[in-house]
Amino acid sequence: ENRLITKRLQKGDVFVFPEGLIHFQQNVGNGYALAIAALSSQNPGTITIANSVFGSNPDIAGDVLAKAFQVGIKVVQQIQSNF
């Protein structure tokens, strides 16, 4: 389905990513953020990352992808237009 699921967390909140779900985190606050991660499987299955990242619905914000992949926003928009 390539759905984008978003959640704004507060101090002390917990968020569980379903197994095999492509995910990312962004600190939208003004201070430092601390995350603790634990994995439940060493084999999450096959995931087509390009479809999940650039073809998500709704789109992942272009500025987030540009920063994550260290490219210009026009490059991100060009890639997203292929999905």
C-alpha atoms as a PDB file:
ATOM      1  CA  GLU A   1       0.000   0.000   0.000  1.00  0.00           C
ATOM      2  CA  ASN A   2       2.994   2.299   0.540  1.00  0.00           C
ATOM      3  CA  ARG A   3       1.114   4.293   3.218  1.00  0.00           C
ATOM      4  CA  LEU A   4       2.833   7.022   5.208  1.00  0.00           C
ATOM      5  CA  ILE A   5       2.013   6.690   8.909  1.00  0.00           C
ATOM      6  CA  THR A   6       3.002   9.633  11.095  1.00  0.00           C
ATOM      7  CA  LYS A   7       3.017  10.063  14.852  1.00  0.00           C
ATOM      8  CA  ARG A   8       4.299  12.979  16.938  1.00  0.00           C
ATOM      9  CA  LEU A   9       5.794  11.616  20.140  1.00  0.00           C
ATOM     10  CA  GLN A  10       6.222  13.351  23.464  1.00  0.00           C
ATOM     11  CA  LYS A  11       8.775  12.578  26.172  1.00  0.00           C
ATOM     12  CA  GLY A  12       8.181   9.051  27.479  1.00  0.00           C
ATOM     13  CA  ASP A  13       6.016   7.930  24.529  1.00  0.00           C
ATOM     14  CA  VAL A  14       6.544   4.577  22.838  1.00  0.00           C
ATOM     15  CA  PHE A  15       5.971   3.735  19.185  1.00  0.00           C
ATOM     16  CA  VAL A  16       6.111   0.237  17.697  1.00  0.00           C
ATOM     17  CA  PHE A  17       6.959  -0.167  14.016  1.00  0.00           C
ATOM     18  CA  PRO A  18       5.269  -3.213  12.496  1.00  0.00           C
ATOM     19  CA  GLU A  19       7.745  -5.836  11.351  1.00  0.00           C
ATOM     20  CA  GLY A  20       9.118  -5.104   7.894  1.00  0.00           C
ATOM     21  CA  LEU A  21       7.813  -1.505   7.756  1.00  0.00           C
ATOM     22  CA  ILE A  22      10.229   1.023   6.267  1.00  0.00           C
ATOM     23  CA  HIS A  23      10.572   3.807   8.821  1.00  0.00           C
ATOM     24  CA  PHE A  24      12.383   7.005   9.684  1.00  0.00           C
ATOM     25  CA  GLN A  25      12.397   9.482  12.529  1.00  0.00           C
ATOM     26  CA  GLN A  26      12.667  13.265  12.480  1.00  0.00           C
ATOM     27  CA  ASN A  27      13.298  15.484  15.488  1.00  0.00           C
ATOM     28  CA  VAL A  28      10.873  18.400  15.067  1.00  0.00           C
ATOM     29  CA  GLY A  29      11.689  19.870  18.488  1.00  0.00           C
ATOM     30  CA  ASN A  30      14.281  22.416  19.505  1.00  0.00           C
ATOM     31  CA  GLY A  31      16.380  20.163  21.743  1.00  0.00           C
ATOM     32  CA  TYR A  32      18.077  16.814  21.512  1.00  0.00           C
ATOM     33  CA  ALA A  33      16.085  13.611  21.043  1.00  0.00           C
ATOM     34  CA  LEU A  34      16.927  10.160  22.336  1.00  0.00           C
ATOM     35  CA  ALA A  35      15.581   6.982  20.784  1.00  0.00           C
ATOM     36  CA  ILE A  36      16.007   3.401  21.950  1.00  0.00           C
ATOM     37  CA  ALA A  37      15.458   0.700  19.342  1.00  0.00           C
ATOM     38  CA  ALA A  38      14.992  -3.046  19.644  1.00  0.00           C
ATOM     39  CA  LEU A  39      14.563  -5.516  16.808  1.00  0.00           C
ATOM     40  CA  SER A  40      12.382  -8.593  16.995  1.00  0.00           C
ATOM     41  CA  SER A  41      13.671 -10.302  13.865  1.00  0.00           C
ATOM     42  CA  GLN A  42      16.884 -10.481  11.893  1.00  0.00           C
ATOM     43  CA  ASN A  43      14.906 -11.303   8.724  1.00  0.00           C
ATOM     44  CA  PRO A  44      12.040  -8.823   8.178  1.00  0.00           C
ATOM     45  CA  GLY A  45      11.265 -10.109   4.675  1.00  0.00           C
ATOM     46  CA  THR A  46      11.508  -8.427   1.293  1.00  0.00           C
ATOM     47  CA  ILE A  47      10.648  -4.754   1.003  1.00  0.00           C
ATOM     48  CA  THR A  48      11.007  -2.563  -2.067  1.00  0.00           C
ATOM     49  CA  ILE A  49      12.442   0.531  -0.445  1.00  0.00           C
ATOM     50  CA  ALA A  50      12.108   2.875  -3.425  1.00  0.00           C
ATOM     51  CA  ASN A  51       8.362   2.200  -3.704  1.00  0.00           C
ATOM     52  CA  SER A  52       7.864   2.601   0.029  1.00  0.00           C
ATOM     53  CA  VAL A  53       9.892   5.807   0.348  1.00  0.00           C
ATOM     54  CA  PHE A  54       9.233   7.672  -2.900  1.00  0.00           C
ATOM     55  CA  GLY A  55       5.794   6.247  -3.676  1.00  0.00           C
ATOM     56  CA  SER A  56       4.157   6.533  -0.250  1.00  0.00           C
ATOM     57  CA  ASN A  57       0.627   7.837   0.139  1.00  0.00           C
ATOM     58  CA  PRO A  58       0.556  10.587   1.256  1.00  0.00           C
ATOM     59  CA  ASP A  59       3.998  11.635   0.043  1.00  0.00           C
ATOM     60  CA  ILE A  60       6.838  11.889   2.532  1.00  0.00           C
ATOM     61  CA  ALA A  61       7.749  15.587   2.635  1.00  0.00           C
ATOM     62  CA  GLY A  62      10.314  16.428  -0.022  1.00  0.00           C
ATOM     63  CA  ASP A  63      12.491  18.411   2.381  1.00  0.00           C
ATOM     64  CA  VAL A  64      12.721  15.385   4.689  1.00  0.00           C
ATOM     65  CA  LEU A  65      13.794  13.100   1.823  1.00  0.00           C
ATOM     66  CA  ALA A  66      16.218  15.702   0.457  1.00  0.00           C
ATOM     67  CA  LYS A  67      17.923  15.949   3.838  1.00  0.00           C
ATOM     68  CA  ALA A  68      17.926  12.170   4.362  1.00  0.00           C
ATOM     69  CA  PHE A  69      19.464  11.421   0.955  1.00  0.00           C
ATOM     70  CA  GLN A  70      21.608  14.590   0.844  1.00  0.00           C
ATOM     71  CA  VAL A  71      20.240  15.734  -2.522  1.00  0.00           C
ATOM     72  CA  GLY A  72      18.308  18.778  -3.698  1.00  0.00           C
ATOM     73  CA  ILE A  73      14.525  18.905  -3.400  1.00  0.00           C
ATOM     74  CA  LYS A  74      14.219  18.976  -7.223  1.00  0.00           C
ATOM     75  CA  VAL A  75      15.941  15.592  -7.365  1.00  0.00           C
ATOM     76  CA  VAL A  76      13.458  14.214  -4.828  1.00  0.00           C
ATOM     77  CA  GLN A  77      10.514  15.648  -6.770  1.00  0.00           C
ATOM     78  CA  GLN A  78      11.830  14.109  -9.984  1.00  0.00           C
ATOM     79  CA  ILE A  79      12.133  10.685  -8.352  1.00  0.00           C
ATOM     80  CA  GLN A  80       8.689  10.969  -6.721  1.00  0.00           C
ATOM     81  CA  SER A  81       7.143  11.795 -10.109  1.00  0.00           C
ATOM     82  CA  ASN A  82       8.100   8.283 -11.282  1.00  0.00           C
ATOM     83  CA  PHE A  83       5.816   6.627  -8.719  1.00  0.00           C
END
